[in-house]
Amino acid sequence: MNLGDTISLSVEAASTNKLFYQWQLNGNDIPGATDPTLTIARAGRENLGSYWVNIWDHRSWVWSDITRVELVSSGSPAPGDQPG
């Protein structure tokens, strides 16, 4: 990604039961990230790392594959991303 980009990650899962989702970044739950799609607007350095999602129903659970988000080009810093 480039600084300031929008990141959108999504997962598809099927079950006859209601599914629940919890996205993680580097092993930590992302607060409020409980939908099949995770969107981060104006991403910054704090959004770099490994993402995955835990998906479960009342009977079982599964982890998604890991997606790594890395900085492609430093370019111009996004507003608010400059050292303070």
C-alpha atoms as a PDB file:
ATOM      1  CA  MET A   1       0.000   0.000   0.000  1.00  0.00           C
ATOM      2  CA  ASN A   2       0.938   3.633  -0.212  1.00  0.00           C
ATOM      3  CA  LEU A   3       0.401   5.868   2.795  1.00  0.00           C
ATOM      4  CA  GLY A   4      -3.118   7.287   2.673  1.00  0.00           C
ATOM      5  CA  ASP A   5      -4.536   4.423   0.568  1.00  0.00           C
ATOM      6  CA  THR A   6      -7.773   2.676   1.415  1.00  0.00           C
ATOM      7  CA  ILE A   7      -7.260  -0.963   2.363  1.00  0.00           C
ATOM      8  CA  SER A   8     -10.129  -3.382   1.841  1.00  0.00           C
ATOM      9  CA  LEU A   9      -9.825  -7.032   2.872  1.00  0.00           C
ATOM     10  CA  SER A  10     -12.666  -9.507   2.669  1.00  0.00           C
ATOM     11  CA  VAL A  11     -13.378 -13.137   3.336  1.00  0.00           C
ATOM     12  CA  GLU A  12     -16.112 -15.481   2.170  1.00  0.00           C
ATOM     13  CA  ALA A  13     -17.486 -18.261   4.334  1.00  0.00           C
ATOM     14  CA  ALA A  14     -20.613 -20.378   4.273  1.00  0.00           C
ATOM     15  CA  SER A  15     -22.543 -22.122   7.015  1.00  0.00           C
ATOM     16  CA  THR A  16     -26.106 -23.090   7.758  1.00  0.00           C
ATOM     17  CA  ASN A  17     -25.606 -21.229  11.066  1.00  0.00           C
ATOM     18  CA  LYS A  18     -25.024 -17.544  11.732  1.00  0.00           C
ATOM     19  CA  LEU A  19     -21.347 -16.656  11.292  1.00  0.00           C
ATOM     20  CA  PHE A  20     -19.303 -14.299  13.438  1.00  0.00           C
ATOM     21  CA  TYR A  21     -16.075 -12.549  12.438  1.00  0.00           C
ATOM     22  CA  GLN A  22     -13.160 -10.973  14.281  1.00  0.00           C
ATOM     23  CA  TRP A  23     -10.310  -9.409  12.311  1.00  0.00           C
ATOM     24  CA  GLN A  24      -6.832  -9.285  13.769  1.00  0.00           C
ATOM     25  CA  LEU A  25      -3.701  -7.281  13.003  1.00  0.00           C
ATOM     26  CA  ASN A  26      -0.434  -8.861  14.131  1.00  0.00           C
ATOM     27  CA  GLY A  27      -2.298 -11.149  16.541  1.00  0.00           C
ATOM     28  CA  ASN A  28      -4.413  -8.452  18.183  1.00  0.00           C
ATOM     29  CA  ASP A  29      -8.161  -8.040  17.774  1.00  0.00           C
ATOM     30  CA  ILE A  30      -9.117  -4.945  15.800  1.00  0.00           C
ATOM     31  CA  PRO A  31     -11.896  -3.275  17.818  1.00  0.00           C
ATOM     32  CA  GLY A  32     -15.186  -3.195  15.923  1.00  0.00           C
ATOM     33  CA  ALA A  33     -13.841  -5.267  13.004  1.00  0.00           C
ATOM     34  CA  THR A  34     -16.569  -7.917  13.082  1.00  0.00           C
ATOM     35  CA  ASP A  35     -17.803  -8.041   9.473  1.00  0.00           C
ATOM     36  CA  PRO A  36     -16.678 -10.184   6.528  1.00  0.00           C
ATOM     37  CA  THR A  37     -15.037  -7.082   5.014  1.00  0.00           C
ATOM     38  CA  LEU A  38     -12.459  -4.899   6.727  1.00  0.00           C
ATOM     39  CA  THR A  39     -11.978  -1.426   5.240  1.00  0.00           C
ATOM     40  CA  ILE A  40      -9.388   1.044   6.473  1.00  0.00           C
ATOM     41  CA  ALA A  41      -9.557   4.517   4.958  1.00  0.00           C
ATOM     42  CA  ARG A  42      -6.381   6.610   4.777  1.00  0.00           C
ATOM     43  CA  ALA A  43      -4.102   3.875   6.035  1.00  0.00           C
ATOM     44  CA  GLY A  44      -0.910   4.793   7.845  1.00  0.00           C
ATOM     45  CA  ARG A  45       2.146   2.989   9.133  1.00  0.00           C
ATOM     46  CA  GLU A  46       0.126   1.670  12.083  1.00  0.00           C
ATOM     47  CA  ASN A  47      -1.866  -0.424   9.581  1.00  0.00           C
ATOM     48  CA  LEU A  48       1.157  -2.331   8.245  1.00  0.00           C
ATOM     49  CA  GLY A  49       1.450  -5.985   9.198  1.00  0.00           C
ATOM     50  CA  SER A  50      -0.283  -9.340   9.052  1.00  0.00           C
ATOM     51  CA  TYR A  51      -4.083  -9.531   8.911  1.00  0.00           C
ATOM     52  CA  TRP A  52      -6.353 -12.518   9.370  1.00  0.00           C
ATOM     53  CA  VAL A  53      -9.878 -13.153  10.538  1.00  0.00           C
ATOM     54  CA  ASN A  54     -11.363 -15.682  12.942  1.00  0.00           C
ATOM     55  CA  ILE A  55     -14.708 -17.004  11.676  1.00  0.00           C
ATOM     56  CA  TRP A  56     -17.002 -19.050  13.865  1.00  0.00           C
ATOM     57  CA  ASP A  57     -20.518 -20.241  14.504  1.00  0.00           C
ATOM     58  CA  HIS A  58     -21.944 -22.011  17.526  1.00  0.00           C
ATOM     59  CA  ARG A  59     -20.281 -25.312  16.512  1.00  0.00           C
ATOM     60  CA  SER A  60     -16.798 -24.572  15.179  1.00  0.00           C
ATOM     61  CA  TRP A  61     -14.264 -21.931  14.160  1.00  0.00           C
ATOM     62  CA  VAL A  62     -11.581 -21.399  11.514  1.00  0.00           C
ATOM     63  CA  TRP A  63      -8.800 -18.880  10.842  1.00  0.00           C
ATOM     64  CA  SER A  64      -8.423 -17.347   7.410  1.00  0.00           C
ATOM     65  CA  ASP A  65      -5.148 -17.257   5.527  1.00  0.00           C
ATOM     66  CA  ILE A  66      -2.795 -14.453   6.521  1.00  0.00           C
ATOM     67  CA  THR A  67      -2.568 -11.363   4.323  1.00  0.00           C
ATOM     68  CA  ARG A  68       0.496  -9.168   4.699  1.00  0.00           C
ATOM     69  CA  VAL A  69       0.075  -5.414   4.137  1.00  0.00           C
ATOM     70  CA  GLU A  70       3.365  -3.684   3.393  1.00  0.00           C
ATOM     71  CA  LEU A  71       4.472  -0.230   2.336  1.00  0.00           C
ATOM     72  CA  VAL A  72       5.070  -0.144  -1.427  1.00  0.00           C
ATOM     73  CA  SER A  73       6.327   3.396  -1.797  1.00  0.00           C
ATOM     74  CA  SER A  74       7.178   5.945   0.814  1.00  0.00           C
ATOM     75  CA  GLY A  75       6.261   8.825  -1.520  1.00  0.00           C
ATOM     76  CA  SER A  76       4.906  11.897   0.198  1.00  0.00           C
ATOM     77  CA  PRO A  77       3.627  11.306   3.708  1.00  0.00           C
ATOM     78  CA  ALA A  78      -0.109  11.352   4.130  1.00  0.00           C
ATOM     79  CA  PRO A  79      -1.472  14.284   6.152  1.00  0.00           C
ATOM     80  CA  GLY A  80      -1.119  13.481   9.833  1.00  0.00           C
ATOM     81  CA  ASP A  81       1.611  10.904   9.166  1.00  0.00           C
ATOM     82  CA  GLN A  82       4.472  13.363   9.455  1.00  0.00           C
ATOM     83  CA  PRO A  83       6.665  13.235  12.543  1.00  0.00           C
ATOM     84  CA  GLY A  84       5.438  15.610  15.154  1.00  0.00           C
END
